[in-house]
Each structure stands twice: as structure tokens, then as C-alpha cells.
Amino acid sequence: MASPTQRIAAVLGPTLIAVTASEAINLEIWNDVHPTLTYLNGLLFFVGGTVIVTSHNQWRPVSALLVTLAGWLLVLAGSYRLFFPTAPQLAPGPSTYALIALLGAYGVALSFVGFFRH
């Protein structure tokens, strides 16, 4: 039977991979997005992160840390988008694509925890 860490990672990992891949391909959609859409995006991030943090606030072992940290990152990113929906989004460039690649790798690590670590 899968642990809560594995179940959350099995959902969050592939989702993070899909989101980062689609963001890398479609980064220009954020150039002139309406602040309301950014706000709603932040709300989804915040709610998802809050669900993870309140149901899985574990810091050991490393696999649990990865899930909990992802929850807190979602809470922070969601809060930023909720409170600053008119702030400029990341512009295409090497640092943006490096961040996207790092988050994609994080998704691969979470997928490993969710599907292959027993």
C-alpha cells in the first residue's frame, strides 16, 4: 500500500512535469495576460499547496521533505500571484528556462518517489 507521501508525489510529479514542459513551449502566453487570470492561477497554486501542507507536513525522510517542500513552494507562489497579480511575469531568457528545467527535474524526482520508491 502506498504511503501518503507516495500518493501525493504520484500526482504532483507528473503534474509538475506537464506544467513545466507546457510553460517552456508556451511561455509567451504570459506576456499580456489579464491580472484576473494570474489571480486565479495563484488561487489554484495556493489551495493546492495548502492542501499538501495541511495534510502532509513531514520533513523526514527525504521523499517526504520533497512533497512538503513542494506544498510550501505552491503556497508561496500562489500568495505572490494572489497579492501581486499585476506584477510582470518572468520574461523568456536563460534564467527563466533554467528555473523551468529545475522545476521539471523536481517533477521527475517526485515521480520517482511516487511510482518507483517502495
Protein backbone atom coordinates (compact mmCIF):
# COMPACT_ATOMS: atom_id res chain seq x y z
CA MET A 1 0.00 0.00 0.00
CA ALA A 2 1.33 3.41 -0.96
CA SER A 3 2.09 5.94 1.74
CA PRO A 4 0.59 9.45 1.70
CA THR A 5 3.99 10.72 0.51
CA GLN A 6 3.92 8.35 -2.46
CA ARG A 7 0.31 9.14 -3.36
CA ILE A 8 0.86 12.90 -3.34
CA ALA A 9 4.16 12.57 -5.22
CA ALA A 10 2.47 10.35 -7.84
CA VAL A 11 0.04 13.19 -8.60
CA LEU A 12 2.34 16.16 -8.11
CA GLY A 13 5.34 14.80 -10.04
CA PRO A 14 3.66 14.22 -13.42
CA THR A 15 1.67 17.44 -12.99
CA LEU A 16 4.87 19.41 -12.45
CA ILE A 17 6.48 17.77 -15.49
CA ALA A 18 3.46 18.60 -17.68
CA VAL A 19 3.23 22.18 -16.41
CA THR A 20 6.92 22.93 -16.86
CA ALA A 21 7.02 21.38 -20.34
CA SER A 22 3.95 23.32 -21.46
CA GLU A 23 5.23 26.55 -19.89
CA ALA A 24 8.56 26.18 -21.71
CA ILE A 25 6.74 25.76 -25.01
CA ASN A 26 4.11 28.46 -24.39
CA LEU A 27 5.96 30.99 -22.23
CA GLU A 28 4.79 33.89 -24.39
CA ILE A 29 1.17 33.46 -23.23
CA TRP A 30 2.10 35.24 -20.00
CA ASN A 31 3.25 38.39 -21.85
CA ASP A 32 -0.13 40.11 -21.87
CA VAL A 33 -2.28 38.01 -19.57
CA HIS A 34 -5.10 39.72 -17.71
CA PRO A 35 -4.42 40.12 -13.96
CA THR A 36 -7.62 38.21 -13.18
CA LEU A 37 -6.18 35.10 -14.80
CA THR A 38 -2.94 35.50 -12.85
CA TYR A 39 -5.02 35.87 -9.68
CA LEU A 40 -6.97 32.68 -10.43
CA ASN A 41 -3.73 30.85 -11.21
CA GLY A 42 -2.40 31.99 -7.83
CA LEU A 43 -5.57 30.83 -6.12
CA LEU A 44 -5.15 27.33 -7.58
CA PHE A 45 -1.50 27.23 -6.52
CA PHE A 46 -2.39 28.46 -3.03
CA VAL A 47 -5.22 25.97 -2.49
CA GLY A 48 -3.18 23.04 -3.82
CA GLY A 49 -0.21 23.98 -1.67
CA THR A 50 -2.37 24.45 1.41
CA VAL A 51 -3.94 21.01 0.94
CA ILE A 52 -0.48 19.44 0.73
CA VAL A 53 0.94 21.35 3.69
CA THR A 54 -2.02 20.69 5.99
CA SER A 55 -2.24 17.00 5.14
CA HIS A 56 1.46 16.26 4.74
CA ASN A 57 3.71 18.49 6.84
CA GLN A 58 6.51 15.94 7.23
CA TRP A 59 10.20 16.77 6.94
CA ARG A 60 11.78 13.29 7.14
CA PRO A 61 12.70 11.17 5.18
CA VAL A 62 13.91 13.00 2.07
CA SER A 63 10.97 11.76 0.00
CA ALA A 64 8.53 13.33 2.47
CA LEU A 65 10.62 16.50 2.50
CA LEU A 66 10.27 16.79 -1.29
CA VAL A 67 6.48 16.62 -1.05
CA THR A 68 6.20 19.05 1.87
CA LEU A 69 8.61 21.49 0.25
CA ALA A 70 6.56 21.39 -2.96
CA GLY A 71 3.48 22.27 -0.93
CA TRP A 72 5.19 25.25 0.68
CA LEU A 73 6.54 26.42 -2.70
CA LEU A 74 3.00 26.30 -4.08
CA VAL A 75 1.73 28.32 -1.12
CA LEU A 76 4.44 30.94 -1.66
CA ALA A 77 3.98 31.13 -5.44
CA GLY A 78 0.21 31.26 -5.04
CA SER A 79 0.43 34.00 -2.43
CA TYR A 80 2.66 36.07 -4.68
CA ARG A 81 0.24 35.76 -7.59
CA LEU A 82 -2.76 36.48 -5.36
CA PHE A 83 -1.29 39.64 -3.85
CA PHE A 84 0.59 40.89 -6.91
CA PRO A 85 -1.43 39.81 -9.98
CA THR A 86 -0.27 42.84 -11.98
CA ALA A 87 3.45 42.16 -11.37
CA PRO A 88 5.39 41.33 -14.53
CA GLN A 89 5.79 37.63 -15.22
CA LEU A 90 9.19 36.09 -15.91
CA ALA A 91 10.44 37.05 -19.35
CA PRO A 92 11.86 34.41 -21.68
CA GLY A 93 15.59 34.08 -21.12
CA PRO A 94 18.27 31.75 -19.84
CA SER A 95 17.38 32.19 -16.15
CA THR A 96 13.68 31.58 -16.80
CA TYR A 97 14.37 28.43 -18.78
CA ALA A 98 16.85 27.28 -16.11
CA LEU A 99 14.13 27.70 -13.46
CA ILE A 100 11.65 25.79 -15.63
CA ALA A 101 14.21 22.99 -16.13
CA LEU A 102 14.89 22.86 -12.38
CA LEU A 103 11.16 22.57 -11.64
CA GLY A 104 10.84 19.89 -14.32
CA ALA A 105 13.65 17.93 -12.68
CA TYR A 106 11.84 18.35 -9.36
CA GLY A 107 8.80 16.80 -11.04
CA VAL A 108 10.90 13.85 -12.20
CA ALA A 109 12.19 13.35 -8.64
CA LEU A 110 8.65 13.46 -7.25
CA SER A 111 7.51 10.99 -9.93
CA PHE A 112 10.32 8.65 -8.89
CA VAL A 113 9.13 8.86 -5.28
CA GLY A 114 5.52 8.31 -6.31
CA PHE A 115 5.95 5.43 -8.73
CA PHE A 116 9.23 3.66 -8.10
CA ARG A 117 10.16 4.05 -4.45
CA HIS A 118 8.58 1.38 -2.28
